[in-house]
Structure formats: structure tokens, C-alpha cells
Amino acid sequence: QVQLVESGGGLVQAGDSLRLSCVAHAEMICISAMGWYRQAPGKERELVATITSGGRSYYTEAVKGRFTISRFDMNRFTAKNTVHLQMNNLKPEDTATYYCNLDPDCTFYGGNYSRFLTGYDFGSWGQGTQVTVSS
């Protein structure tokens, strides 16, 4: 079972930066990819960024050049896996609750984020972290 804990959100002004963190508590052998989503009030949850174990990343168009997803850090001794989302030049339209998730299907060498792109529901979700950007 996976437990996801997101943190790092806050209230900032347009143009500011935030660094979100996600700690996934999971006793599993490997993680194929991790990703960040966001959900604004009245809107569906959308994928923001994802990265494979091999370091291949994807960003939704709205955040390209402003957000950076980190390589995830897998600590096999503590069963904690950490991924960050560096968000620069924040805009009011980035206001949302941000969530992370992971794909434990390690069929492909180097990882695969395709299930993030196809909207797969990985089942376990954390509480998220709120990001509010004022203009």
C-alpha cells in the first residue's frame, strides 16, 4: 500500500517561486515513474509533470519553462521515495491543490510515464498541498 504526503504549498504572489515535496511511503521494489497533478476549484484534476526512473520528463504545456520535476530519490532502507516540483514564475492560474502519485509497474527498463499521460487512476491519493497565487 502506498501513502503519499505532499507539502510545500502556500500563498504567494505572481512571479514568486515554490518548491513542493512529495514523500511516498511504499515498500516496493521499484518505481517506474512519479508525477504531479493539480486540481483547481470546479475543474478536473490535470497532470502537471511526470518523470521516469530513467530521468525522462514530461510537462503540460502551461508549465513548460517554469516548473521542474526532480529525479526521484528512492531510499530502500526507509521505504520512502521523494520527488520535488520546483515552480518558478508562478501565475494566478497555477492556483490549485497539488497532488503526487507513482507508478509501480516496472515492466520497462528506465521507467515509463505513459499511464500518467493516459489518465490512469493509480488508486491511492494523498491530501495534497494548496498553492494559491495572488495577482
C-alpha atoms as a PDB file:
ATOM      1  CA  GLN A   1       0.000   0.000   0.000  1.00  0.00           C
ATOM      2  CA  VAL A   2       1.205   3.484  -0.853  1.00  0.00           C
ATOM      3  CA  GLN A   3       0.946   6.525   1.379  1.00  0.00           C
ATOM      4  CA  LEU A   4       1.532   9.880  -0.270  1.00  0.00           C
ATOM      5  CA  VAL A   5       2.310  13.071   1.634  1.00  0.00           C
ATOM      6  CA  GLU A   6       2.582  16.356  -0.228  1.00  0.00           C
ATOM      7  CA  SER A   7       3.939  19.561   1.284  1.00  0.00           C
ATOM      8  CA  GLY A   8       5.415  22.918   0.406  1.00  0.00           C
ATOM      9  CA  GLY A   9       2.361  24.800  -0.790  1.00  0.00           C
ATOM     10  CA  GLY A  10       1.412  28.262   0.324  1.00  0.00           C
ATOM     11  CA  LEU A  11       0.117  31.693  -0.555  1.00  0.00           C
ATOM     12  CA  VAL A  12       2.452  33.621  -2.837  1.00  0.00           C
ATOM     13  CA  GLN A  13       2.356  36.500  -5.282  1.00  0.00           C
ATOM     14  CA  ALA A  14       2.571  36.221  -9.023  1.00  0.00           C
ATOM     15  CA  GLY A  15       6.183  35.787 -10.082  1.00  0.00           C
ATOM     16  CA  ASP A  16       7.205  34.047  -6.872  1.00  0.00           C
ATOM     17  CA  SER A  17       8.532  30.514  -6.543  1.00  0.00           C
ATOM     18  CA  LEU A  18       7.591  27.467  -4.510  1.00  0.00           C
ATOM     19  CA  ARG A  19       9.128  24.027  -4.118  1.00  0.00           C
ATOM     20  CA  LEU A  20       6.702  21.217  -3.495  1.00  0.00           C
ATOM     21  CA  SER A  21       7.752  17.923  -1.969  1.00  0.00           C
ATOM     22  CA  CYS A  22       6.135  14.533  -2.143  1.00  0.00           C
ATOM     23  CA  VAL A  23       7.106  11.665   0.098  1.00  0.00           C
ATOM     24  CA  ALA A  24       5.738   8.293  -0.912  1.00  0.00           C
ATOM     25  CA  HIS A  25       5.828   5.669   1.791  1.00  0.00           C
ATOM     26  CA  ALA A  26       5.811   2.375  -0.049  1.00  0.00           C
ATOM     27  CA  GLU A  27       7.574  -0.883   0.455  1.00  0.00           C
ATOM     28  CA  MET A  28       8.029  -1.884  -3.126  1.00  0.00           C
ATOM     29  CA  ILE A  29      10.881  -2.999  -5.265  1.00  0.00           C
ATOM     30  CA  CYS A  30      10.881  -0.207  -7.808  1.00  0.00           C
ATOM     31  CA  ILE A  31       9.022   2.804  -9.128  1.00  0.00           C
ATOM     32  CA  SER A  32       8.637   3.327 -12.837  1.00  0.00           C
ATOM     33  CA  ALA A  33       7.608   6.963 -12.701  1.00  0.00           C
ATOM     34  CA  MET A  34       6.304   9.662 -10.412  1.00  0.00           C
ATOM     35  CA  GLY A  35       4.170  12.622 -11.244  1.00  0.00           C
ATOM     36  CA  TRP A  36       2.441  15.755 -10.052  1.00  0.00           C
ATOM     37  CA  TYR A  37      -1.174  16.691 -10.652  1.00  0.00           C
ATOM     38  CA  ARG A  38      -3.253  19.689  -9.729  1.00  0.00           C
ATOM     39  CA  GLN A  39      -6.921  20.395  -9.290  1.00  0.00           C
ATOM     40  CA  ALA A  40      -8.395  23.857  -9.254  1.00  0.00           C
ATOM     41  CA  PRO A  41     -11.849  24.541  -7.788  1.00  0.00           C
ATOM     42  CA  GLY A  42     -14.566  23.430 -10.152  1.00  0.00           C
ATOM     43  CA  LYS A  43     -12.108  21.768 -12.533  1.00  0.00           C
ATOM     44  CA  GLU A  44     -10.927  18.247 -13.128  1.00  0.00           C
ATOM     45  CA  ARG A  45      -7.578  17.062 -11.870  1.00  0.00           C
ATOM     46  CA  GLU A  46      -4.889  17.519 -14.517  1.00  0.00           C
ATOM     47  CA  LEU A  47      -1.390  16.186 -14.945  1.00  0.00           C
ATOM     48  CA  VAL A  48       1.296  18.813 -14.426  1.00  0.00           C
ATOM     49  CA  ALA A  49       4.548  16.895 -14.786  1.00  0.00           C
ATOM     50  CA  THR A  50       5.895  13.384 -14.642  1.00  0.00           C
ATOM     51  CA  ILE A  51       9.332  11.786 -14.682  1.00  0.00           C
ATOM     52  CA  THR A  52      10.546   8.238 -15.214  1.00  0.00           C
ATOM     53  CA  SER A  53      13.113   6.396 -13.172  1.00  0.00           C
ATOM     54  CA  GLY A  54      15.482   6.972 -16.071  1.00  0.00           C
ATOM     55  CA  GLY A  55      15.012  10.726 -15.874  1.00  0.00           C
ATOM     56  CA  ARG A  56      12.760  11.297 -18.877  1.00  0.00           C
ATOM     57  CA  SER A  57      10.256  14.031 -18.066  1.00  0.00           C
ATOM     58  CA  TYR A  58       7.035  15.443 -19.433  1.00  0.00           C
ATOM     59  CA  TYR A  59       5.354  18.774 -18.675  1.00  0.00           C
ATOM     60  CA  THR A  60       1.963  20.050 -19.566  1.00  0.00           C
ATOM     61  CA  GLU A  61       2.217  22.996 -21.925  1.00  0.00           C
ATOM     62  CA  ALA A  62       1.036  25.560 -19.393  1.00  0.00           C
ATOM     63  CA  VAL A  63       4.025  24.995 -17.090  1.00  0.00           C
ATOM     64  CA  LYS A  64       6.841  24.338 -19.542  1.00  0.00           C
ATOM     65  CA  GLY A  65       9.850  26.512 -18.818  1.00  0.00           C
ATOM     66  CA  ARG A  66       8.560  27.413 -15.348  1.00  0.00           C
ATOM     67  CA  PHE A  67       8.228  24.118 -13.466  1.00  0.00           C
ATOM     68  CA  THR A  68      10.850  21.439 -12.963  1.00  0.00           C
ATOM     69  CA  ILE A  69      10.230  17.972 -11.607  1.00  0.00           C
ATOM     70  CA  SER A  70      13.162  16.371  -9.846  1.00  0.00           C
ATOM     71  CA  ARG A  71      14.563  12.921 -10.232  1.00  0.00           C
ATOM     72  CA  PHE A  72      13.005  10.877  -7.509  1.00  0.00           C
ATOM     73  CA  ASP A  73      15.051   9.665  -4.625  1.00  0.00           C
ATOM     74  CA  MET A  74      14.372   6.051  -3.688  1.00  0.00           C
ATOM     75  CA  ASN A  75      15.550   5.094  -0.235  1.00  0.00           C
ATOM     76  CA  ARG A  76      15.235   1.342   0.012  1.00  0.00           C
ATOM     77  CA  PHE A  77      16.066   1.321   3.722  1.00  0.00           C
ATOM     78  CA  THR A  78      13.289   3.667   4.820  1.00  0.00           C
ATOM     79  CA  ALA A  79      10.809   2.757   2.057  1.00  0.00           C
ATOM     80  CA  LYS A  80      10.424   6.470   1.365  1.00  0.00           C
ATOM     81  CA  ASN A  81      10.534   7.883  -2.120  1.00  0.00           C
ATOM     82  CA  THR A  82      10.760  11.628  -2.617  1.00  0.00           C
ATOM     83  CA  VAL A  83      10.060  13.822  -5.621  1.00  0.00           C
ATOM     84  CA  HIS A  84      10.005  17.620  -5.813  1.00  0.00           C
ATOM     85  CA  LEU A  85       8.331  20.131  -8.062  1.00  0.00           C
ATOM     86  CA  GLN A  86      10.150  23.448  -8.397  1.00  0.00           C
ATOM     87  CA  MET A  87       7.685  26.087  -9.510  1.00  0.00           C
ATOM     88  CA  ASN A  88       9.042  29.411 -10.722  1.00  0.00           C
ATOM     89  CA  ASN A  89       7.326  32.491 -12.075  1.00  0.00           C
ATOM     90  CA  LEU A  90       4.020  31.407 -10.607  1.00  0.00           C
ATOM     91  CA  LYS A  91       0.822  32.741 -12.125  1.00  0.00           C
ATOM     92  CA  PRO A  92      -2.674  33.090 -10.657  1.00  0.00           C
ATOM     93  CA  GLU A  93      -3.832  30.295 -12.959  1.00  0.00           C
ATOM     94  CA  ASP A  94      -1.453  27.942 -11.131  1.00  0.00           C
ATOM     95  CA  THR A  95      -3.701  28.195  -8.089  1.00  0.00           C
ATOM     96  CA  ALA A  96      -4.822  24.669  -7.218  1.00  0.00           C
ATOM     97  CA  THR A  97      -4.337  21.759  -4.878  1.00  0.00           C
ATOM     98  CA  TYR A  98      -1.306  19.790  -5.972  1.00  0.00           C
ATOM     99  CA  TYR A  99      -1.067  16.018  -5.652  1.00  0.00           C
ATOM    100  CA  CYS A 100       1.601  13.465  -6.463  1.00  0.00           C
ATOM    101  CA  ASN A 101       1.471   9.819  -7.373  1.00  0.00           C
ATOM    102  CA  LEU A 102       3.643   6.974  -8.594  1.00  0.00           C
ATOM    103  CA  ASP A 103       3.525   4.070 -10.993  1.00  0.00           C
ATOM    104  CA  PRO A 104       4.971   0.841  -9.592  1.00  0.00           C
ATOM    105  CA  ASP A 105       4.788  -1.053 -12.891  1.00  0.00           C
ATOM    106  CA  CYS A 106       8.451  -1.560 -13.760  1.00  0.00           C
ATOM    107  CA  THR A 107       7.957  -3.566 -16.941  1.00  0.00           C
ATOM    108  CA  PHE A 108      10.069  -1.158 -18.973  1.00  0.00           C
ATOM    109  CA  TYR A 109      13.741  -0.553 -18.344  1.00  0.00           C
ATOM    110  CA  GLY A 110      14.265   3.091 -17.446  1.00  0.00           C
ATOM    111  CA  GLY A 111      10.659   3.540 -16.456  1.00  0.00           C
ATOM    112  CA  ASN A 112       7.579   4.590 -18.316  1.00  0.00           C
ATOM    113  CA  TYR A 113       5.207   7.501 -17.656  1.00  0.00           C
ATOM    114  CA  SER A 114       2.586   6.548 -20.238  1.00  0.00           C
ATOM    115  CA  ARG A 115      -0.036   5.720 -17.624  1.00  0.00           C
ATOM    116  CA  PHE A 116       0.289   9.260 -16.307  1.00  0.00           C
ATOM    117  CA  LEU A 117      -0.373  10.606 -19.781  1.00  0.00           C
ATOM    118  CA  THR A 118      -3.410   8.394 -20.330  1.00  0.00           C
ATOM    119  CA  GLY A 119      -5.131   9.405 -17.103  1.00  0.00           C
ATOM    120  CA  TYR A 120      -4.717   6.117 -15.305  1.00  0.00           C
ATOM    121  CA  ASP A 121      -6.058   6.200 -11.753  1.00  0.00           C
ATOM    122  CA  PHE A 122      -3.371   4.784  -9.508  1.00  0.00           C
ATOM    123  CA  GLY A 123      -5.858   4.492  -6.665  1.00  0.00           C
ATOM    124  CA  SER A 124      -4.017   5.970  -3.687  1.00  0.00           C
ATOM    125  CA  TRP A 125      -4.040   9.728  -3.254  1.00  0.00           C
ATOM    126  CA  GLY A 126      -2.690  11.989  -0.556  1.00  0.00           C
ATOM    127  CA  GLN A 127      -4.277  15.085   0.921  1.00  0.00           C
ATOM    128  CA  GLY A 128      -2.494  17.373  -1.493  1.00  0.00           C
ATOM    129  CA  THR A 129      -0.905  20.737  -0.830  1.00  0.00           C
ATOM    130  CA  GLN A 130      -2.625  24.021  -1.607  1.00  0.00           C
ATOM    131  CA  VAL A 131      -0.936  26.576  -3.817  1.00  0.00           C
ATOM    132  CA  THR A 132      -2.535  29.993  -4.064  1.00  0.00           C
ATOM    133  CA  VAL A 133      -1.059  32.650  -6.307  1.00  0.00           C
ATOM    134  CA  SER A 134      -2.335  36.189  -5.989  1.00  0.00           C
ATOM    135  CA  SER A 135      -2.082  38.721  -8.775  1.00  0.00           C
END
